[in-house]
Amino acid sequence: MSQQQRYLTCGVDQTIPLELQIFMWDCVERLPAPKDYLQVFDLKPVGVLQSITHSSEVPAYKMEYIIPMENPIAEKVYVIDDGDHSTMLLANEY
């Protein structure tokens, strides 16, 4: 995926802080091949911490991260890889 173009929707741009966008792109980048075309990130506030659960179906993958964040958010984010480019979007924009 590192050689592909990356895009994000207006919803992600307006809702997801840049540091979380970079973190999620990095999570996808670090996955070993083969990677599912659909990566799911479930973001939840845990007090002053940000919980990020990254998952995919094929191959099955699940990892949870807890990071300090000034204003944690609750959102579900998808990263979809169509082979030519990857797009990050909010689940409600799918």
N, C-alpha and C. Protein backbone atom coordinates (compact mmCIF):
# COMPACT_ATOMS: atom_id res chain seq x y z
N MET A 1 0.82 -1.19 0.00
CA MET A 1 0.00 0.00 0.00
C MET A 1 0.86 1.25 0.00
N SER A 2 2.11 1.18 0.39
CA SER A 2 2.92 2.39 0.53
C SER A 2 3.15 3.10 -0.81
N GLN A 3 3.07 2.38 -1.93
CA GLN A 3 3.29 3.00 -3.22
C GLN A 3 2.00 3.55 -3.83
N GLN A 4 0.88 3.31 -3.17
CA GLN A 4 -0.41 3.75 -3.68
C GLN A 4 -0.76 5.15 -3.20
N GLN A 5 -1.67 5.76 -3.93
CA GLN A 5 -2.22 7.04 -3.52
C GLN A 5 -3.16 6.80 -2.34
N ARG A 6 -3.19 7.75 -1.42
CA ARG A 6 -4.07 7.68 -0.26
C ARG A 6 -5.03 8.86 -0.31
N TYR A 7 -6.29 8.58 0.00
CA TYR A 7 -7.31 9.60 0.00
C TYR A 7 -8.09 9.52 1.30
N LEU A 8 -8.73 10.63 1.66
CA LEU A 8 -9.65 10.60 2.77
C LEU A 8 -10.83 11.48 2.44
N THR A 9 -11.95 11.15 3.04
CA THR A 9 -13.18 11.89 2.76
C THR A 9 -13.22 13.18 3.57
N CYS A 10 -14.12 14.05 3.20
CA CYS A 10 -14.32 15.30 3.95
C CYS A 10 -14.70 15.00 5.39
N GLY A 11 -15.49 13.95 5.60
CA GLY A 11 -15.90 13.58 6.96
C GLY A 11 -14.70 13.24 7.83
N VAL A 12 -13.75 12.48 7.29
CA VAL A 12 -12.54 12.14 8.04
C VAL A 12 -11.74 13.42 8.29
N ASP A 13 -11.58 14.23 7.27
CA ASP A 13 -10.81 15.46 7.39
C ASP A 13 -11.37 16.37 8.49
N GLN A 14 -12.69 16.42 8.59
CA GLN A 14 -13.34 17.32 9.55
C GLN A 14 -13.50 16.71 10.95
N THR A 15 -13.48 15.39 11.06
CA THR A 15 -13.82 14.71 12.31
C THR A 15 -12.63 14.07 13.02
N ILE A 16 -11.71 13.51 12.25
CA ILE A 16 -10.61 12.72 12.83
C ILE A 16 -9.35 13.59 12.91
N PRO A 17 -8.80 13.77 14.11
CA PRO A 17 -7.57 14.55 14.23
C PRO A 17 -6.44 13.96 13.38
N LEU A 18 -5.60 14.84 12.86
CA LEU A 18 -4.51 14.41 11.97
C LEU A 18 -3.65 13.32 12.60
N GLU A 19 -3.34 13.43 13.89
CA GLU A 19 -2.49 12.41 14.51
C GLU A 19 -3.14 11.03 14.51
N LEU A 20 -4.48 10.97 14.61
CA LEU A 20 -5.17 9.68 14.51
C LEU A 20 -5.18 9.18 13.07
N GLN A 21 -5.35 10.07 12.11
CA GLN A 21 -5.28 9.65 10.70
C GLN A 21 -3.93 9.00 10.41
N ILE A 22 -2.87 9.67 10.83
CA ILE A 22 -1.51 9.14 10.59
C ILE A 22 -1.33 7.81 11.30
N PHE A 23 -1.82 7.72 12.54
CA PHE A 23 -1.71 6.47 13.30
C PHE A 23 -2.40 5.32 12.56
N MET A 24 -3.62 5.56 12.06
CA MET A 24 -4.36 4.50 11.36
C MET A 24 -3.69 4.11 10.05
N TRP A 25 -3.20 5.08 9.27
CA TRP A 25 -2.46 4.75 8.04
C TRP A 25 -1.26 3.87 8.39
N ASP A 26 -0.56 4.22 9.47
CA ASP A 26 0.62 3.47 9.89
C ASP A 26 0.24 2.04 10.29
N CYS A 27 -0.88 1.88 10.99
CA CYS A 27 -1.36 0.54 11.37
C CYS A 27 -1.58 -0.33 10.13
N VAL A 28 -2.21 0.23 9.12
CA VAL A 28 -2.47 -0.52 7.88
C VAL A 28 -1.14 -0.84 7.19
N GLU A 29 -0.25 0.14 7.16
CA GLU A 29 1.05 -0.03 6.50
C GLU A 29 1.86 -1.16 7.13
N ARG A 30 1.80 -1.29 8.45
CA ARG A 30 2.59 -2.29 9.17
C ARG A 30 2.03 -3.71 9.08
N LEU A 31 0.80 -3.87 8.59
CA LEU A 31 0.23 -5.22 8.48
C LEU A 31 1.00 -6.04 7.46
N PRO A 32 1.26 -7.30 7.77
CA PRO A 32 1.91 -8.16 6.78
C PRO A 32 0.93 -8.53 5.67
N ALA A 33 1.46 -8.82 4.48
CA ALA A 33 0.62 -9.28 3.38
C ALA A 33 0.28 -10.75 3.65
N PRO A 34 -0.84 -11.24 3.18
CA PRO A 34 -1.90 -10.50 2.48
C PRO A 34 -2.75 -9.69 3.46
N LYS A 35 -3.25 -8.56 2.97
CA LYS A 35 -4.11 -7.69 3.77
C LYS A 35 -5.52 -7.71 3.20
N ASP A 36 -6.49 -7.65 4.08
CA ASP A 36 -7.88 -7.51 3.66
C ASP A 36 -8.06 -6.15 2.99
N TYR A 37 -8.91 -6.08 1.99
CA TYR A 37 -9.15 -4.80 1.32
C TYR A 37 -9.86 -3.81 2.25
N LEU A 38 -10.51 -4.33 3.31
CA LEU A 38 -11.26 -3.49 4.24
C LEU A 38 -10.65 -3.58 5.64
N GLN A 39 -10.13 -2.45 6.11
CA GLN A 39 -9.61 -2.35 7.47
C GLN A 39 -10.60 -1.51 8.27
N VAL A 40 -10.91 -1.95 9.48
CA VAL A 40 -11.90 -1.28 10.31
C VAL A 40 -11.22 -0.76 11.58
N PHE A 41 -11.50 0.49 11.90
CA PHE A 41 -10.99 1.11 13.12
C PHE A 41 -12.17 1.61 13.94
N ASP A 42 -12.30 1.09 15.14
CA ASP A 42 -13.37 1.51 16.04
C ASP A 42 -12.73 2.39 17.12
N LEU A 43 -13.07 3.67 17.10
CA LEU A 43 -12.49 4.65 18.01
C LEU A 43 -13.47 4.94 19.15
N LYS A 44 -12.97 4.82 20.39
CA LYS A 44 -13.82 5.09 21.55
C LYS A 44 -13.04 5.83 22.61
N PRO A 45 -13.68 6.80 23.27
CA PRO A 45 -13.01 7.47 24.39
C PRO A 45 -13.03 6.57 25.62
N VAL A 46 -11.93 6.57 26.34
CA VAL A 46 -11.82 5.86 27.61
C VAL A 46 -11.22 6.88 28.59
N GLY A 47 -12.08 7.67 29.20
CA GLY A 47 -11.61 8.77 30.04
C GLY A 47 -10.85 9.77 29.18
N VAL A 48 -9.59 10.01 29.52
CA VAL A 48 -8.75 10.92 28.72
C VAL A 48 -7.89 10.17 27.72
N LEU A 49 -8.20 8.89 27.53
CA LEU A 49 -7.45 8.06 26.59
C LEU A 49 -8.30 7.75 25.37
N GLN A 50 -7.62 7.47 24.26
CA GLN A 50 -8.29 7.08 23.02
C GLN A 50 -8.09 5.59 22.82
N SER A 51 -9.18 4.84 22.77
CA SER A 51 -9.12 3.41 22.44
C SER A 51 -9.30 3.28 20.93
N ILE A 52 -8.41 2.50 20.30
CA ILE A 52 -8.48 2.25 18.86
C ILE A 52 -8.43 0.74 18.66
N THR A 53 -9.51 0.17 18.16
CA THR A 53 -9.54 -1.26 17.85
C THR A 53 -9.48 -1.40 16.34
N HIS A 54 -8.40 -2.01 15.86
CA HIS A 54 -8.16 -2.21 14.43
C HIS A 54 -8.46 -3.66 14.11
N SER A 55 -9.32 -3.89 13.12
CA SER A 55 -9.67 -5.27 12.76
C SER A 55 -9.87 -5.42 11.26
N SER A 56 -9.78 -6.67 10.81
CA SER A 56 -10.12 -7.04 9.44
C SER A 56 -10.59 -8.48 9.47
N GLU A 57 -11.28 -8.89 8.41
CA GLU A 57 -11.87 -10.24 8.40
C GLU A 57 -10.99 -11.30 7.78
N VAL A 58 -10.38 -11.02 6.60
CA VAL A 58 -9.61 -12.04 5.89
C VAL A 58 -8.26 -11.48 5.49
N PRO A 59 -7.17 -11.90 6.09
CA PRO A 59 -7.14 -12.82 7.22
C PRO A 59 -7.64 -12.13 8.49
N ALA A 60 -8.14 -12.93 9.42
CA ALA A 60 -8.67 -12.38 10.67
C ALA A 60 -7.56 -11.65 11.41
N TYR A 61 -7.88 -10.45 11.87
CA TYR A 61 -6.90 -9.63 12.57
C TYR A 61 -7.64 -8.73 13.55
N LYS A 62 -7.06 -8.58 14.74
CA LYS A 62 -7.63 -7.64 15.71
C LYS A 62 -6.52 -7.20 16.65
N MET A 63 -6.42 -5.87 16.82
CA MET A 63 -5.43 -5.29 17.72
C MET A 63 -6.06 -4.07 18.37
N GLU A 64 -5.82 -3.92 19.67
CA GLU A 64 -6.35 -2.75 20.36
C GLU A 64 -5.19 -1.90 20.86
N TYR A 65 -5.35 -0.61 20.68
CA TYR A 65 -4.36 0.37 21.13
C TYR A 65 -5.06 1.35 22.06
N ILE A 66 -4.33 1.80 23.07
CA ILE A 66 -4.81 2.85 23.96
C ILE A 66 -3.74 3.94 23.94
N ILE A 67 -4.13 5.13 23.52
CA ILE A 67 -3.16 6.22 23.45
C ILE A 67 -3.70 7.46 24.16
N PRO A 68 -2.82 8.26 24.73
CA PRO A 68 -3.29 9.51 25.34
C PRO A 68 -3.75 10.48 24.25
N MET A 69 -4.83 11.18 24.55
CA MET A 69 -5.38 12.10 23.55
C MET A 69 -6.10 13.22 24.28
N GLU A 70 -5.91 14.42 23.83
CA GLU A 70 -6.53 15.56 24.49
C GLU A 70 -8.05 15.50 24.44
N ASN A 71 -8.59 15.18 23.27
CA ASN A 71 -10.05 15.08 23.10
C ASN A 71 -10.39 13.78 22.39
N PRO A 72 -10.47 12.65 23.13
CA PRO A 72 -10.79 11.38 22.48
C PRO A 72 -12.17 11.43 21.82
N ILE A 73 -12.32 10.66 20.76
CA ILE A 73 -13.57 10.69 19.98
C ILE A 73 -14.14 9.29 19.83
N ALA A 74 -15.41 9.23 19.45
CA ALA A 74 -16.10 7.98 19.16
C ALA A 74 -16.50 8.00 17.69
N GLU A 75 -15.89 7.14 16.90
CA GLU A 75 -16.20 7.02 15.47
C GLU A 75 -15.80 5.64 15.00
N LYS A 76 -16.38 5.21 13.90
CA LYS A 76 -15.92 4.02 13.21
C LYS A 76 -15.37 4.48 11.87
N VAL A 77 -14.16 4.03 11.54
CA VAL A 77 -13.47 4.46 10.33
C VAL A 77 -13.10 3.24 9.51
N TYR A 78 -13.29 3.32 8.19
CA TYR A 78 -12.87 2.27 7.27
C TYR A 78 -11.71 2.77 6.42
N VAL A 79 -10.80 1.86 6.12
CA VAL A 79 -9.78 2.11 5.10
C VAL A 79 -10.00 1.04 4.04
N ILE A 80 -10.34 1.47 2.83
CA ILE A 80 -10.65 0.56 1.74
C ILE A 80 -9.57 0.65 0.68
N ASP A 81 -9.00 -0.50 0.34
CA ASP A 81 -7.93 -0.58 -0.67
C ASP A 81 -8.53 -1.22 -1.91
N ASP A 82 -8.58 -0.46 -3.02
CA ASP A 82 -9.15 -1.02 -4.25
C ASP A 82 -8.07 -1.53 -5.21
N GLY A 83 -6.82 -1.59 -4.75
CA GLY A 83 -5.74 -2.07 -5.61
C GLY A 83 -4.92 -0.93 -6.20
N ASP A 84 -5.58 0.17 -6.56
CA ASP A 84 -4.90 1.33 -7.13
C ASP A 84 -4.68 2.43 -6.10
N HIS A 85 -5.61 2.55 -5.16
CA HIS A 85 -5.50 3.57 -4.13
C HIS A 85 -6.25 3.12 -2.88
N SER A 86 -6.00 3.80 -1.79
CA SER A 86 -6.69 3.52 -0.52
C SER A 86 -7.44 4.76 -0.09
N THR A 87 -8.63 4.54 0.48
CA THR A 87 -9.46 5.64 0.93
C THR A 87 -9.85 5.43 2.38
N MET A 88 -9.68 6.46 3.18
CA MET A 88 -10.12 6.44 4.58
C MET A 88 -11.44 7.20 4.65
N LEU A 89 -12.47 6.56 5.24
CA LEU A 89 -13.77 7.19 5.32
C LEU A 89 -14.45 6.81 6.61
N LEU A 90 -15.37 7.65 7.05
CA LEU A 90 -16.20 7.33 8.20
C LEU A 90 -17.17 6.24 7.80
N ALA A 91 -17.53 5.38 8.74
CA ALA A 91 -18.46 4.28 8.45
C ALA A 91 -19.78 4.82 7.90
N ASN A 92 -20.24 5.96 8.41
CA ASN A 92 -21.53 6.49 7.93
C ASN A 92 -21.42 7.12 6.54
N GLU A 93 -20.22 7.19 5.98
CA GLU A 93 -20.05 7.68 4.61
C GLU A 93 -19.96 6.53 3.60
N TYR A 94 -19.97 5.30 4.09
CA TYR A 94 -19.80 4.14 3.22
C TYR A 94 -21.00 3.91 2.35
